[in-house]
Amino acid sequence: MSRPVALAITGGIGAGKSAALAAFARRGAATLSADDLVHDLIENDAAVRAALDERFGTTDRGRIAEVVFADGGELRWLESLLHPRVQERTAAWLAEVEAPVAVVEIPLLYETGGEGRFDKVVVVTAPPELRGARSRAAGGAREARLLPEDEKVRRADFVYENTGSLGELDRFVASVLEDVS
């Protein structure tokens, strides 16, 4: 079997990236979440756990988040620990996928220069008030460090404004899959 078409999903906090990933899964695409990989690394990778414990005195994600989102240097350190491992695991997963389309949700896709590793990029957007209702982190310090949404939209191959029903999201996903197949 030839290599699958590799799609990345990105977008702002609370935009609905995970809902879009689930819609791709419902349509038969192989799916992976970079956030899930990060959680797995923190929970199960001995080297990562040791580095976190040495640096922060804990492996608790919430306590680490309090530190790194208040200190840019600590955030850069954490990202230098995690991002290469996430990229390595994503590449290994993509090499093993046997489905025609593989979709990876990557919140920091553009911020890490990761778009070049994918054939197409899907950006999921939503109005700020809706994103705020979906996530306490939307619009806050975590989001301030992200590429502005209009720039993500400009660079994307596909854009979905996630303000409608799951049926509308599923129809969008079906059209993307039809386009890339």
N, C-alpha and C. Protein backbone atom coordinates (compact mmCIF):
# COMPACT_ATOMS: atom_id res chain seq x y z
N MET A 1 0.84 -1.17 0.00
CA MET A 1 0.00 0.00 0.00
C MET A 1 0.89 1.24 0.00
N SER A 2 0.49 2.28 -0.73
CA SER A 2 1.26 3.51 -0.76
C SER A 2 1.03 4.31 0.51
N ARG A 3 1.86 5.29 0.69
CA ARG A 3 1.78 6.16 1.85
C ARG A 3 0.41 6.85 1.90
N PRO A 4 -0.17 7.00 3.11
CA PRO A 4 -1.46 7.68 3.19
C PRO A 4 -1.31 9.18 2.94
N VAL A 5 -2.39 9.82 2.55
CA VAL A 5 -2.43 11.27 2.51
C VAL A 5 -2.40 11.72 3.97
N ALA A 6 -1.46 12.58 4.31
CA ALA A 6 -1.30 13.04 5.69
C ALA A 6 -1.92 14.42 5.85
N LEU A 7 -2.95 14.49 6.68
CA LEU A 7 -3.62 15.76 6.98
C LEU A 7 -3.30 16.17 8.40
N ALA A 8 -3.11 17.46 8.62
CA ALA A 8 -2.97 18.00 9.97
C ALA A 8 -4.19 18.87 10.25
N ILE A 9 -4.69 18.79 11.49
CA ILE A 9 -5.75 19.68 11.96
C ILE A 9 -5.14 20.60 13.01
N THR A 10 -5.40 21.89 12.87
CA THR A 10 -4.96 22.85 13.87
C THR A 10 -6.03 23.92 14.01
N GLY A 11 -5.81 24.81 14.96
CA GLY A 11 -6.76 25.89 15.21
C GLY A 11 -6.60 26.38 16.63
N GLY A 12 -7.35 27.41 16.96
CA GLY A 12 -7.27 28.01 18.29
C GLY A 12 -7.85 27.13 19.38
N ILE A 13 -7.58 27.51 20.61
CA ILE A 13 -8.10 26.80 21.77
C ILE A 13 -9.62 26.90 21.78
N GLY A 14 -10.29 25.76 21.90
CA GLY A 14 -11.75 25.73 21.95
C GLY A 14 -12.44 25.83 20.61
N ALA A 15 -11.67 25.79 19.51
CA ALA A 15 -12.27 25.91 18.18
C ALA A 15 -13.01 24.65 17.75
N GLY A 16 -12.58 23.49 18.27
CA GLY A 16 -13.22 22.24 17.90
C GLY A 16 -12.33 21.29 17.13
N LYS A 17 -11.03 21.38 17.35
CA LYS A 17 -10.09 20.49 16.67
C LYS A 17 -10.38 19.03 16.99
N SER A 18 -10.64 18.74 18.25
CA SER A 18 -10.91 17.35 18.66
C SER A 18 -12.20 16.83 18.05
N ALA A 19 -13.20 17.68 17.94
CA ALA A 19 -14.46 17.28 17.30
C ALA A 19 -14.22 16.98 15.83
N ALA A 20 -13.38 17.77 15.18
CA ALA A 20 -13.05 17.52 13.78
C ALA A 20 -12.27 16.21 13.64
N LEU A 21 -11.33 15.96 14.54
CA LEU A 21 -10.58 14.71 14.51
C LEU A 21 -11.52 13.52 14.64
N ALA A 22 -12.47 13.62 15.56
CA ALA A 22 -13.46 12.55 15.74
C ALA A 22 -14.31 12.36 14.49
N ALA A 23 -14.63 13.45 13.80
CA ALA A 23 -15.41 13.35 12.56
C ALA A 23 -14.61 12.62 11.48
N PHE A 24 -13.31 12.88 11.40
CA PHE A 24 -12.48 12.15 10.44
C PHE A 24 -12.44 10.66 10.79
N ALA A 25 -12.35 10.36 12.07
CA ALA A 25 -12.35 8.95 12.50
C ALA A 25 -13.66 8.27 12.12
N ARG A 26 -14.78 8.97 12.31
CA ARG A 26 -16.09 8.40 11.94
C ARG A 26 -16.17 8.09 10.46
N ARG A 27 -15.40 8.83 9.66
CA ARG A 27 -15.39 8.65 8.20
C ARG A 27 -14.31 7.67 7.75
N GLY A 28 -13.65 7.00 8.69
CA GLY A 28 -12.70 5.95 8.33
C GLY A 28 -11.24 6.35 8.25
N ALA A 29 -10.92 7.60 8.53
CA ALA A 29 -9.52 8.01 8.50
C ALA A 29 -8.81 7.50 9.76
N ALA A 30 -7.54 7.21 9.62
CA ALA A 30 -6.72 6.92 10.79
C ALA A 30 -6.45 8.25 11.49
N THR A 31 -6.54 8.28 12.82
CA THR A 31 -6.40 9.55 13.52
C THR A 31 -5.44 9.44 14.70
N LEU A 32 -4.83 10.58 15.03
CA LEU A 32 -3.89 10.68 16.14
C LEU A 32 -3.96 12.09 16.69
N SER A 33 -3.85 12.22 18.01
CA SER A 33 -3.85 13.52 18.68
C SER A 33 -2.49 13.79 19.29
N ALA A 34 -1.86 14.91 18.93
CA ALA A 34 -0.58 15.28 19.54
C ALA A 34 -0.75 15.51 21.03
N ASP A 35 -1.89 16.06 21.46
CA ASP A 35 -2.13 16.24 22.89
C ASP A 35 -2.12 14.90 23.62
N ASP A 36 -2.73 13.88 23.01
CA ASP A 36 -2.72 12.55 23.62
C ASP A 36 -1.29 12.01 23.72
N LEU A 37 -0.48 12.28 22.71
CA LEU A 37 0.92 11.85 22.76
C LEU A 37 1.66 12.53 23.91
N VAL A 38 1.43 13.84 24.08
CA VAL A 38 2.06 14.57 25.18
C VAL A 38 1.64 13.97 26.52
N HIS A 39 0.34 13.73 26.68
CA HIS A 39 -0.15 13.15 27.93
C HIS A 39 0.49 11.79 28.19
N ASP A 40 0.61 10.97 27.14
CA ASP A 40 1.23 9.66 27.29
C ASP A 40 2.70 9.78 27.67
N LEU A 41 3.42 10.71 27.06
CA LEU A 41 4.82 10.92 27.40
C LEU A 41 4.97 11.29 28.87
N ILE A 42 4.13 12.21 29.33
CA ILE A 42 4.24 12.67 30.72
C ILE A 42 3.86 11.56 31.69
N GLU A 43 2.91 10.73 31.33
CA GLU A 43 2.46 9.67 32.22
C GLU A 43 3.33 8.42 32.17
N ASN A 44 3.93 8.12 31.01
CA ASN A 44 4.54 6.79 30.83
C ASN A 44 6.00 6.76 30.39
N ASP A 45 6.56 7.84 29.93
CA ASP A 45 7.94 7.83 29.46
C ASP A 45 8.87 8.14 30.64
N ALA A 46 9.68 7.16 31.02
CA ALA A 46 10.53 7.30 32.20
C ALA A 46 11.49 8.47 32.09
N ALA A 47 12.08 8.68 30.93
CA ALA A 47 13.04 9.78 30.75
C ALA A 47 12.34 11.13 30.87
N VAL A 48 11.16 11.25 30.29
CA VAL A 48 10.39 12.49 30.38
C VAL A 48 9.99 12.75 31.82
N ARG A 49 9.49 11.73 32.49
CA ARG A 49 9.06 11.88 33.89
C ARG A 49 10.24 12.30 34.78
N ALA A 50 11.39 11.69 34.56
CA ALA A 50 12.56 12.05 35.36
C ALA A 50 12.98 13.50 35.11
N ALA A 51 12.97 13.92 33.85
CA ALA A 51 13.35 15.30 33.52
C ALA A 51 12.37 16.29 34.13
N LEU A 52 11.08 15.98 34.07
CA LEU A 52 10.06 16.87 34.65
C LEU A 52 10.21 16.95 36.17
N ASP A 53 10.42 15.80 36.78
CA ASP A 53 10.55 15.77 38.24
C ASP A 53 11.78 16.55 38.69
N GLU A 54 12.86 16.42 37.94
CA GLU A 54 14.08 17.14 38.28
C GLU A 54 13.89 18.65 38.10
N ARG A 55 13.22 19.05 37.05
CA ARG A 55 13.06 20.47 36.74
C ARG A 55 11.99 21.14 37.60
N PHE A 56 10.85 20.46 37.76
CA PHE A 56 9.69 21.08 38.40
C PHE A 56 9.33 20.47 39.75
N GLY A 57 9.98 19.36 40.12
CA GLY A 57 9.65 18.69 41.37
C GLY A 57 8.32 17.95 41.32
N THR A 58 7.81 17.73 40.11
CA THR A 58 6.51 17.06 39.93
C THR A 58 6.36 16.61 38.49
N THR A 59 5.43 15.68 38.28
CA THR A 59 5.03 15.31 36.92
C THR A 59 3.54 15.63 36.72
N ASP A 60 2.94 16.35 37.67
CA ASP A 60 1.54 16.74 37.57
C ASP A 60 1.39 17.83 36.49
N ARG A 61 0.60 17.52 35.46
CA ARG A 61 0.45 18.43 34.33
C ARG A 61 -0.09 19.79 34.74
N GLY A 62 -1.04 19.81 35.65
CA GLY A 62 -1.63 21.08 36.09
C GLY A 62 -0.62 21.97 36.78
N ARG A 63 0.18 21.38 37.65
CA ARG A 63 1.20 22.16 38.36
C ARG A 63 2.29 22.64 37.40
N ILE A 64 2.65 21.78 36.46
CA ILE A 64 3.65 22.18 35.47
C ILE A 64 3.11 23.32 34.61
N ALA A 65 1.84 23.22 34.21
CA ALA A 65 1.22 24.27 33.39
C ALA A 65 1.25 25.62 34.10
N GLU A 66 0.99 25.63 35.40
CA GLU A 66 1.04 26.88 36.16
C GLU A 66 2.41 27.55 36.04
N VAL A 67 3.46 26.74 36.08
CA VAL A 67 4.82 27.27 36.00
C VAL A 67 5.14 27.74 34.59
N VAL A 68 4.92 26.87 33.60
CA VAL A 68 5.40 27.18 32.25
C VAL A 68 4.61 28.29 31.56
N PHE A 69 3.33 28.44 31.88
CA PHE A 69 2.57 29.50 31.24
C PHE A 69 2.76 30.85 31.93
N ALA A 70 3.53 30.85 33.02
CA ALA A 70 3.91 32.10 33.68
C ALA A 70 5.37 32.47 33.39
N ASP A 71 6.10 31.57 32.73
CA ASP A 71 7.53 31.78 32.52
C ASP A 71 7.92 31.24 31.14
N GLY A 72 8.17 32.15 30.21
CA GLY A 72 8.50 31.75 28.84
C GLY A 72 9.71 30.85 28.73
N GLY A 73 10.69 31.06 29.58
CA GLY A 73 11.88 30.21 29.54
C GLY A 73 11.56 28.77 29.93
N GLU A 74 10.73 28.61 30.94
CA GLU A 74 10.33 27.26 31.35
C GLU A 74 9.48 26.60 30.27
N LEU A 75 8.63 27.38 29.61
CA LEU A 75 7.81 26.84 28.52
C LEU A 75 8.70 26.37 27.37
N ARG A 76 9.70 27.16 27.02
CA ARG A 76 10.62 26.76 25.95
C ARG A 76 11.36 25.47 26.33
N TRP A 77 11.77 25.36 27.60
CA TRP A 77 12.43 24.14 28.04
C TRP A 77 11.50 22.94 27.89
N LEU A 78 10.26 23.08 28.36
CA LEU A 78 9.30 21.98 28.27
C LEU A 78 9.05 21.59 26.81
N GLU A 79 8.87 22.58 25.96
CA GLU A 79 8.63 22.28 24.54
C GLU A 79 9.85 21.60 23.92
N SER A 80 11.05 21.98 24.33
CA SER A 80 12.25 21.32 23.78
C SER A 80 12.34 19.88 24.24
N LEU A 81 11.76 19.57 25.37
CA LEU A 81 11.72 18.20 25.87
C LEU A 81 10.67 17.38 25.11
N LEU A 82 9.49 17.96 24.93
CA LEU A 82 8.35 17.19 24.41
C LEU A 82 8.21 17.20 22.89
N HIS A 83 8.41 18.36 22.24
CA HIS A 83 8.12 18.44 20.81
C HIS A 83 8.91 17.45 19.95
N PRO A 84 10.22 17.27 20.16
CA PRO A 84 10.92 16.28 19.34
C PRO A 84 10.37 14.86 19.52
N ARG A 85 9.98 14.53 20.72
CA ARG A 85 9.42 13.19 20.98
C ARG A 85 8.05 13.03 20.31
N VAL A 86 7.25 14.07 20.36
CA VAL A 86 5.93 14.02 19.70
C VAL A 86 6.12 13.89 18.19
N GLN A 87 7.04 14.66 17.64
CA GLN A 87 7.30 14.58 16.20
C GLN A 87 7.80 13.20 15.81
N GLU A 88 8.67 12.62 16.62
CA GLU A 88 9.20 11.28 16.35
C GLU A 88 8.08 10.24 16.38
N ARG A 89 7.24 10.29 17.40
CA ARG A 89 6.13 9.33 17.50
C ARG A 89 5.12 9.53 16.38
N THR A 90 4.88 10.77 16.00
CA THR A 90 3.95 11.03 14.89
C THR A 90 4.49 10.47 13.59
N ALA A 91 5.76 10.69 13.32
CA ALA A 91 6.37 10.16 12.10
C ALA A 91 6.33 8.64 12.08
N ALA A 92 6.61 8.01 13.21
CA ALA A 92 6.56 6.54 13.29
C ALA A 92 5.13 6.05 13.05
N TRP A 93 4.15 6.73 13.62
CA TRP A 93 2.75 6.35 13.42
C TRP A 93 2.36 6.49 11.95
N LEU A 94 2.73 7.61 11.33
CA LEU A 94 2.40 7.83 9.92
C LEU A 94 3.04 6.75 9.03
N ALA A 95 4.24 6.32 9.38
CA ALA A 95 4.92 5.28 8.59
C ALA A 95 4.21 3.94 8.67
N GLU A 96 3.44 3.71 9.72
CA GLU A 96 2.75 2.44 9.91
C GLU A 96 1.29 2.43 9.46
N VAL A 97 0.72 3.61 9.24
CA VAL A 97 -0.71 3.70 8.90
C VAL A 97 -0.97 3.03 7.56
N GLU A 98 -2.02 2.21 7.54
CA GLU A 98 -2.40 1.54 6.31
C GLU A 98 -3.68 2.08 5.70
N ALA A 99 -4.30 3.06 6.34
CA ALA A 99 -5.50 3.69 5.79
C ALA A 99 -5.11 4.67 4.68
N PRO A 100 -6.04 4.98 3.78
CA PRO A 100 -5.71 5.93 2.70
C PRO A 100 -5.44 7.36 3.20
N VAL A 101 -6.05 7.73 4.33
CA VAL A 101 -5.87 9.08 4.87
C VAL A 101 -5.53 8.97 6.36
N ALA A 102 -4.51 9.72 6.78
CA ALA A 102 -4.10 9.78 8.19
C ALA A 102 -4.21 11.23 8.64
N VAL A 103 -4.90 11.45 9.76
CA VAL A 103 -5.17 12.80 10.24
C VAL A 103 -4.59 12.96 11.64
N VAL A 104 -3.80 14.03 11.83
CA VAL A 104 -3.18 14.30 13.12
C VAL A 104 -3.62 15.67 13.60
N GLU A 105 -4.15 15.72 14.81
CA GLU A 105 -4.52 16.98 15.46
C GLU A 105 -3.28 17.53 16.15
N ILE A 106 -2.85 18.73 15.73
CA ILE A 106 -1.64 19.34 16.29
C ILE A 106 -1.93 20.81 16.60
N PRO A 107 -2.21 21.12 17.85
CA PRO A 107 -2.54 22.50 18.20
C PRO A 107 -1.45 23.51 17.82
N LEU A 108 -0.18 23.16 17.95
CA LEU A 108 0.92 24.07 17.66
C LEU A 108 1.58 23.78 16.31
N LEU A 109 0.81 23.39 15.34
CA LEU A 109 1.36 23.01 14.03
C LEU A 109 2.21 24.11 13.42
N TYR A 110 1.63 25.28 13.22
CA TYR A 110 2.37 26.37 12.59
C TYR A 110 3.46 26.92 13.51
N GLU A 111 3.17 26.96 14.80
CA GLU A 111 4.11 27.50 15.76
C GLU A 111 5.39 26.68 15.83
N THR A 112 5.31 25.39 15.51
CA THR A 112 6.50 24.53 15.54
C THR A 112 7.08 24.27 14.15
N GLY A 113 6.50 24.91 13.12
CA GLY A 113 6.97 24.70 11.76
C GLY A 113 6.64 23.32 11.21
N GLY A 114 5.61 22.69 11.75
CA GLY A 114 5.29 21.32 11.40
C GLY A 114 4.48 21.11 10.15
N GLU A 115 3.98 22.18 9.55
CA GLU A 115 3.09 22.00 8.39
C GLU A 115 3.77 21.31 7.21
N GLY A 116 5.09 21.42 7.10
CA GLY A 116 5.82 20.80 6.00
C GLY A 116 5.83 19.28 6.04
N ARG A 117 5.46 18.70 7.17
CA ARG A 117 5.42 17.25 7.30
C ARG A 117 4.08 16.66 6.86
N PHE A 118 3.17 17.52 6.38
CA PHE A 118 1.83 17.06 6.01
C PHE A 118 1.50 17.49 4.59
N ASP A 119 0.63 16.69 3.96
CA ASP A 119 0.22 17.00 2.59
C ASP A 119 -0.76 18.16 2.55
N LYS A 120 -1.65 18.23 3.54
CA LYS A 120 -2.67 19.28 3.59
C LYS A 120 -2.91 19.65 5.05
N VAL A 121 -3.38 20.89 5.25
CA VAL A 121 -3.70 21.38 6.59
C VAL A 121 -5.14 21.84 6.63
N VAL A 122 -5.83 21.41 7.69
CA VAL A 122 -7.19 21.83 7.98
C VAL A 122 -7.13 22.74 9.20
N VAL A 123 -7.68 23.95 9.08
CA VAL A 123 -7.78 24.85 10.22
C VAL A 123 -9.24 24.91 10.65
N VAL A 124 -9.46 24.70 11.94
CA VAL A 124 -10.79 24.80 12.52
C VAL A 124 -10.85 26.10 13.30
N THR A 125 -11.86 26.90 13.01
CA THR A 125 -12.03 28.19 13.69
C THR A 125 -13.40 28.24 14.36
N ALA A 126 -13.55 29.22 15.22
CA ALA A 126 -14.84 29.53 15.85
C ALA A 126 -14.71 30.94 16.42
N PRO A 127 -15.82 31.65 16.55
CA PRO A 127 -15.76 32.99 17.14
C PRO A 127 -15.23 32.95 18.57
N PRO A 128 -14.56 34.01 18.99
CA PRO A 128 -13.96 34.03 20.34
C PRO A 128 -14.94 33.72 21.47
N GLU A 129 -16.15 34.22 21.39
CA GLU A 129 -17.10 33.97 22.48
C GLU A 129 -17.48 32.49 22.56
N LEU A 130 -17.56 31.82 21.43
CA LEU A 130 -17.87 30.38 21.42
C LEU A 130 -16.67 29.58 21.93
N ARG A 131 -15.47 29.96 21.51
CA ARG A 131 -14.27 29.26 21.99
C ARG A 131 -14.14 29.45 23.50
N GLY A 132 -14.44 30.64 23.99
CA GLY A 132 -14.39 30.90 25.43
C GLY A 132 -15.38 30.06 26.21
N ALA A 133 -16.55 29.82 25.62
CA ALA A 133 -17.55 28.97 26.28
C ALA A 133 -17.12 27.51 26.30
N ARG A 134 -16.31 27.11 25.34
CA ARG A 134 -15.85 25.72 25.24
C ARG A 134 -14.63 25.44 26.10
N SER A 135 -13.79 26.46 26.34
CA SER A 135 -12.53 26.25 27.06
C SER A 135 -12.18 27.46 27.89
N ARG A 136 -11.85 27.22 29.15
CA ARG A 136 -11.41 28.32 30.03
C ARG A 136 -10.10 28.93 29.55
N ALA A 137 -9.29 28.17 28.81
CA ALA A 137 -7.98 28.65 28.37
C ALA A 137 -8.07 29.54 27.12
N ALA A 138 -9.20 29.51 26.42
CA ALA A 138 -9.34 30.30 25.19
C ALA A 138 -9.22 31.79 25.52
N GLY A 139 -8.45 32.49 24.69
CA GLY A 139 -8.29 33.92 24.85
C GLY A 139 -7.31 34.33 25.93
N GLY A 140 -6.76 33.39 26.68
CA GLY A 140 -5.86 33.71 27.78
C GLY A 140 -4.40 33.71 27.35
N ALA A 141 -3.55 33.61 28.37
CA ALA A 141 -2.10 33.67 28.14
C ALA A 141 -1.62 32.55 27.23
N ARG A 142 -2.23 31.38 27.35
CA ARG A 142 -1.80 30.26 26.49
C ARG A 142 -2.04 30.59 25.02
N GLU A 143 -3.14 31.23 24.73
CA GLU A 143 -3.48 31.52 23.34
C GLU A 143 -2.70 32.72 22.80
N ALA A 144 -2.28 33.62 23.68
CA ALA A 144 -1.57 34.82 23.25
C ALA A 144 -0.27 34.49 22.52
N ARG A 145 0.30 33.34 22.80
CA ARG A 145 1.58 32.97 22.17
C ARG A 145 1.39 32.28 20.83
N LEU A 146 0.14 32.03 20.43
CA LEU A 146 -0.14 31.31 19.20
C LEU A 146 -0.19 32.24 18.00
N LEU A 147 0.04 31.67 16.84
CA LEU A 147 -0.10 32.41 15.58
C LEU A 147 -1.54 32.91 15.49
N PRO A 148 -1.76 34.15 15.08
CA PRO A 148 -3.14 34.66 14.97
C PRO A 148 -3.99 33.80 14.03
N GLU A 149 -5.26 33.69 14.38
CA GLU A 149 -6.17 32.83 13.62
C GLU A 149 -6.23 33.22 12.14
N ASP A 150 -6.25 34.51 11.83
CA ASP A 150 -6.34 34.92 10.42
C ASP A 150 -5.13 34.44 9.62
N GLU A 151 -3.96 34.36 10.27
CA GLU A 151 -2.76 33.85 9.59
C GLU A 151 -2.88 32.34 9.37
N LYS A 152 -3.41 31.62 10.36
CA LYS A 152 -3.63 30.19 10.19
C LYS A 152 -4.58 29.93 9.03
N VAL A 153 -5.65 30.68 8.98
CA VAL A 153 -6.65 30.54 7.91
C VAL A 153 -6.00 30.80 6.55
N ARG A 154 -5.18 31.86 6.48
CA ARG A 154 -4.52 32.20 5.22
C ARG A 154 -3.62 31.08 4.72
N ARG A 155 -2.97 30.37 5.63
CA ARG A 155 -2.01 29.33 5.27
C ARG A 155 -2.64 27.95 5.06
N ALA A 156 -3.90 27.79 5.44
CA ALA A 156 -4.55 26.48 5.41
C ALA A 156 -4.99 26.07 4.01
N ASP A 157 -5.11 24.76 3.82
CA ASP A 157 -5.69 24.22 2.59
C ASP A 157 -7.21 24.13 2.70
N PHE A 158 -7.70 23.87 3.92
CA PHE A 158 -9.13 23.76 4.19
C PHE A 158 -9.42 24.51 5.48
N VAL A 159 -10.55 25.20 5.53
CA VAL A 159 -10.95 25.93 6.73
C VAL A 159 -12.39 25.60 7.05
N TYR A 160 -12.64 25.33 8.33
CA TYR A 160 -14.00 25.07 8.79
C TYR A 160 -14.31 25.97 9.97
N GLU A 161 -15.36 26.79 9.85
CA GLU A 161 -15.83 27.59 10.98
C GLU A 161 -16.81 26.73 11.76
N ASN A 162 -16.38 26.31 12.93
CA ASN A 162 -17.11 25.32 13.72
C ASN A 162 -18.18 25.99 14.61
N THR A 163 -19.25 26.41 13.97
CA THR A 163 -20.35 27.06 14.68
C THR A 163 -21.66 26.31 14.50
N GLY A 164 -21.64 25.23 13.74
CA GLY A 164 -22.88 24.53 13.43
C GLY A 164 -23.00 23.19 14.13
N SER A 165 -23.74 22.32 13.50
CA SER A 165 -24.03 21.00 14.07
C SER A 165 -22.94 19.99 13.73
N LEU A 166 -23.00 18.84 14.41
CA LEU A 166 -22.08 17.75 14.07
C LEU A 166 -22.32 17.28 12.65
N GLY A 167 -23.56 17.33 12.19
CA GLY A 167 -23.87 16.96 10.81
C GLY A 167 -23.15 17.85 9.81
N GLU A 168 -23.11 19.16 10.11
CA GLU A 168 -22.39 20.08 9.22
C GLU A 168 -20.90 19.80 9.24
N LEU A 169 -20.36 19.51 10.41
CA LEU A 169 -18.95 19.16 10.53
C LEU A 169 -18.67 17.88 9.75
N ASP A 170 -19.54 16.88 9.86
CA ASP A 170 -19.35 15.63 9.12
C ASP A 170 -19.40 15.87 7.61
N ARG A 171 -20.25 16.75 7.16
CA ARG A 171 -20.31 17.05 5.71
C ARG A 171 -19.03 17.74 5.25
N PHE A 172 -18.51 18.65 6.07
CA PHE A 172 -17.24 19.29 5.74
C PHE A 172 -16.13 18.24 5.62
N VAL A 173 -16.05 17.36 6.62
CA VAL A 173 -15.02 16.32 6.63
C VAL A 173 -15.16 15.42 5.41
N ALA A 174 -16.39 15.05 5.06
CA ALA A 174 -16.62 14.22 3.87
C ALA A 174 -16.09 14.93 2.62
N SER A 175 -16.31 16.24 2.53
CA SER A 175 -15.83 16.97 1.35
C SER A 175 -14.30 17.04 1.31
N VAL A 176 -13.66 17.17 2.47
CA VAL A 176 -12.19 17.17 2.52
C VAL A 176 -11.67 15.80 2.08
N LEU A 177 -12.26 14.75 2.61
CA LEU A 177 -11.81 13.40 2.24
C LEU A 177 -12.01 13.13 0.76
N GLU A 178 -13.11 13.60 0.22
CA GLU A 178 -13.34 13.43 -1.21
C GLU A 178 -12.29 14.18 -2.02
N ASP A 179 -11.95 15.36 -1.57
CA ASP A 179 -10.96 16.19 -2.27
C ASP A 179 -9.57 15.57 -2.26
N VAL A 180 -9.18 14.93 -1.15
CA VAL A 180 -7.81 14.41 -1.05
C VAL A 180 -7.67 12.96 -1.51
N SER A 181 -8.79 12.31 -1.75
CA SER A 181 -8.74 10.88 -2.16
C SER A 181 -8.55 10.73 -3.65
